[in-house]
N, C-alpha and C. Protein backbone atom coordinates (compact mmCIF):
# COMPACT_ATOMS: atom_id res chain seq x y z
N MET A 1 1.92 -8.62 14.02
CA MET A 1 1.71 -9.20 12.72
C MET A 1 0.95 -10.51 12.90
N MET A 2 0.16 -10.85 11.88
CA MET A 2 -0.66 -12.06 11.90
C MET A 2 -0.42 -12.86 10.63
N LEU A 3 -0.83 -14.11 10.66
CA LEU A 3 -0.78 -14.95 9.47
C LEU A 3 -2.05 -14.75 8.66
N LEU A 4 -1.93 -14.89 7.35
CA LEU A 4 -3.11 -14.85 6.49
C LEU A 4 -3.90 -16.13 6.64
N VAL A 5 -5.22 -16.02 6.68
CA VAL A 5 -6.10 -17.18 6.74
C VAL A 5 -6.95 -17.14 5.48
N GLU A 6 -6.88 -18.21 4.70
CA GLU A 6 -7.60 -18.26 3.44
C GLU A 6 -9.11 -18.22 3.69
N GLY A 7 -9.83 -17.48 2.85
CA GLY A 7 -11.28 -17.39 2.97
C GLY A 7 -11.77 -16.29 3.90
N LYS A 8 -10.89 -15.49 4.47
CA LYS A 8 -11.27 -14.39 5.36
C LYS A 8 -11.18 -13.07 4.60
N TYR A 9 -11.83 -12.04 5.12
CA TYR A 9 -11.79 -10.72 4.52
C TYR A 9 -10.67 -9.89 5.15
N TYR A 10 -9.98 -9.14 4.30
CA TYR A 10 -8.88 -8.29 4.74
C TYR A 10 -9.08 -6.90 4.17
N ILE A 11 -8.45 -5.92 4.77
CA ILE A 11 -8.53 -4.54 4.30
C ILE A 11 -7.14 -4.07 3.91
N ILE A 12 -7.06 -3.42 2.74
CA ILE A 12 -5.80 -2.84 2.29
C ILE A 12 -5.96 -1.32 2.26
N TYR A 13 -5.07 -0.65 2.96
CA TYR A 13 -5.00 0.81 2.92
C TYR A 13 -3.75 1.17 2.12
N TRP A 14 -3.87 2.15 1.22
CA TRP A 14 -2.69 2.58 0.48
C TRP A 14 -2.75 4.08 0.27
N ASP A 15 -1.60 4.63 0.03
CA ASP A 15 -1.51 6.06 -0.22
C ASP A 15 -0.31 6.33 -1.12
N ALA A 16 -0.42 7.37 -1.89
CA ALA A 16 0.67 7.76 -2.78
C ALA A 16 0.85 9.27 -2.70
N SER A 17 2.08 9.68 -2.84
CA SER A 17 2.40 11.10 -2.94
C SER A 17 3.37 11.24 -4.10
N HIS A 18 3.89 12.42 -4.31
CA HIS A 18 4.85 12.61 -5.40
C HIS A 18 6.24 12.11 -5.04
N SER A 19 6.42 11.60 -3.82
CA SER A 19 7.74 11.11 -3.43
C SER A 19 7.75 9.65 -2.99
N SER A 20 6.58 9.06 -2.65
CA SER A 20 6.60 7.68 -2.15
C SER A 20 5.23 7.01 -2.26
N LEU A 21 5.25 5.68 -2.09
CA LEU A 21 4.05 4.84 -2.05
C LEU A 21 4.06 4.07 -0.75
N GLY A 22 2.87 3.80 -0.20
CA GLY A 22 2.81 3.01 1.02
C GLY A 22 1.51 2.21 1.06
N ALA A 23 1.54 1.03 1.72
CA ALA A 23 0.36 0.19 1.83
C ALA A 23 0.42 -0.62 3.12
N VAL A 24 -0.78 -0.92 3.67
CA VAL A 24 -0.89 -1.75 4.87
C VAL A 24 -2.02 -2.74 4.65
N LEU A 25 -1.78 -4.02 4.93
CA LEU A 25 -2.79 -5.06 4.88
C LEU A 25 -3.22 -5.34 6.31
N MET A 26 -4.56 -5.23 6.59
CA MET A 26 -5.04 -5.36 7.96
C MET A 26 -6.21 -6.33 8.05
N LYS A 27 -6.37 -6.92 9.24
CA LYS A 27 -7.51 -7.79 9.58
C LYS A 27 -7.88 -7.49 11.02
N ASP A 28 -9.12 -7.07 11.26
CA ASP A 28 -9.60 -6.79 12.62
C ASP A 28 -8.67 -5.83 13.37
N LYS A 29 -8.27 -4.76 12.72
CA LYS A 29 -7.39 -3.73 13.30
C LYS A 29 -5.99 -4.24 13.64
N ASN A 30 -5.60 -5.39 13.11
CA ASN A 30 -4.25 -5.93 13.30
C ASN A 30 -3.50 -5.88 11.98
N VAL A 31 -2.25 -5.47 12.02
CA VAL A 31 -1.42 -5.39 10.82
C VAL A 31 -0.97 -6.79 10.41
N ILE A 32 -1.19 -7.13 9.15
CA ILE A 32 -0.70 -8.38 8.59
C ILE A 32 0.64 -8.12 7.90
N ALA A 33 0.67 -7.08 7.08
CA ALA A 33 1.90 -6.74 6.34
C ALA A 33 1.86 -5.26 5.97
N TYR A 34 3.01 -4.72 5.72
CA TYR A 34 3.10 -3.33 5.26
C TYR A 34 4.24 -3.22 4.28
N ALA A 35 4.15 -2.22 3.40
CA ALA A 35 5.18 -2.00 2.39
C ALA A 35 5.23 -0.52 2.05
N SER A 36 6.40 -0.05 1.68
CA SER A 36 6.55 1.32 1.22
C SER A 36 7.81 1.43 0.38
N ARG A 37 7.84 2.44 -0.44
CA ARG A 37 9.05 2.70 -1.22
C ARG A 37 9.04 4.14 -1.69
N GLN A 38 10.24 4.66 -1.91
CA GLN A 38 10.37 5.99 -2.49
C GLN A 38 10.31 5.87 -4.00
N LEU A 39 9.79 6.89 -4.63
CA LEU A 39 9.68 6.89 -6.09
C LEU A 39 11.00 7.31 -6.73
N LYS A 40 11.31 6.68 -7.84
CA LYS A 40 12.48 7.05 -8.64
C LYS A 40 12.14 8.28 -9.47
N GLY A 41 13.13 8.84 -10.13
CA GLY A 41 12.95 10.07 -10.90
C GLY A 41 11.82 10.03 -11.90
N HIS A 42 11.77 8.99 -12.77
CA HIS A 42 10.74 8.94 -13.80
C HIS A 42 9.36 8.64 -13.21
N ASP A 43 9.27 7.95 -12.06
CA ASP A 43 7.99 7.66 -11.43
C ASP A 43 7.32 8.92 -10.89
N ARG A 44 8.11 9.91 -10.56
CA ARG A 44 7.56 11.16 -9.99
C ARG A 44 6.80 11.98 -11.03
N ASN A 45 6.90 11.61 -12.31
CA ASN A 45 6.19 12.33 -13.36
C ASN A 45 4.72 11.94 -13.46
N TYR A 46 4.33 10.81 -12.86
CA TYR A 46 2.95 10.36 -12.93
C TYR A 46 2.06 11.18 -11.99
N PRO A 47 0.81 11.42 -12.38
CA PRO A 47 -0.12 12.09 -11.47
C PRO A 47 -0.40 11.20 -10.25
N THR A 48 -0.74 11.80 -9.12
CA THR A 48 -0.96 11.04 -7.89
C THR A 48 -2.05 9.99 -8.05
N HIS A 49 -3.13 10.30 -8.77
CA HIS A 49 -4.20 9.30 -8.92
C HIS A 49 -3.73 8.08 -9.71
N ASP A 50 -2.79 8.23 -10.63
CA ASP A 50 -2.21 7.07 -11.32
C ASP A 50 -1.31 6.27 -10.39
N LEU A 51 -0.57 6.95 -9.53
CA LEU A 51 0.31 6.25 -8.59
C LEU A 51 -0.49 5.42 -7.60
N GLU A 52 -1.68 5.90 -7.20
CA GLU A 52 -2.49 5.15 -6.25
C GLU A 52 -3.08 3.89 -6.87
N LEU A 53 -3.10 3.80 -8.19
CA LEU A 53 -3.57 2.60 -8.87
C LEU A 53 -2.43 1.63 -9.17
N ALA A 54 -1.19 2.01 -8.88
CA ALA A 54 -0.02 1.19 -9.20
C ALA A 54 0.02 -0.09 -8.40
């Protein structure tokens, strides 16, 4: 893990499925932060393309 440096460029990768969401913040192939969660019952009703915009 690395610290964020203001004024630098970072890359965010994210993905969604009908059961979970996940994201990774990266800089120069190094992980800065990551997050994921399982979807609750009502969240599973959204189309995948809407979940990826969440």
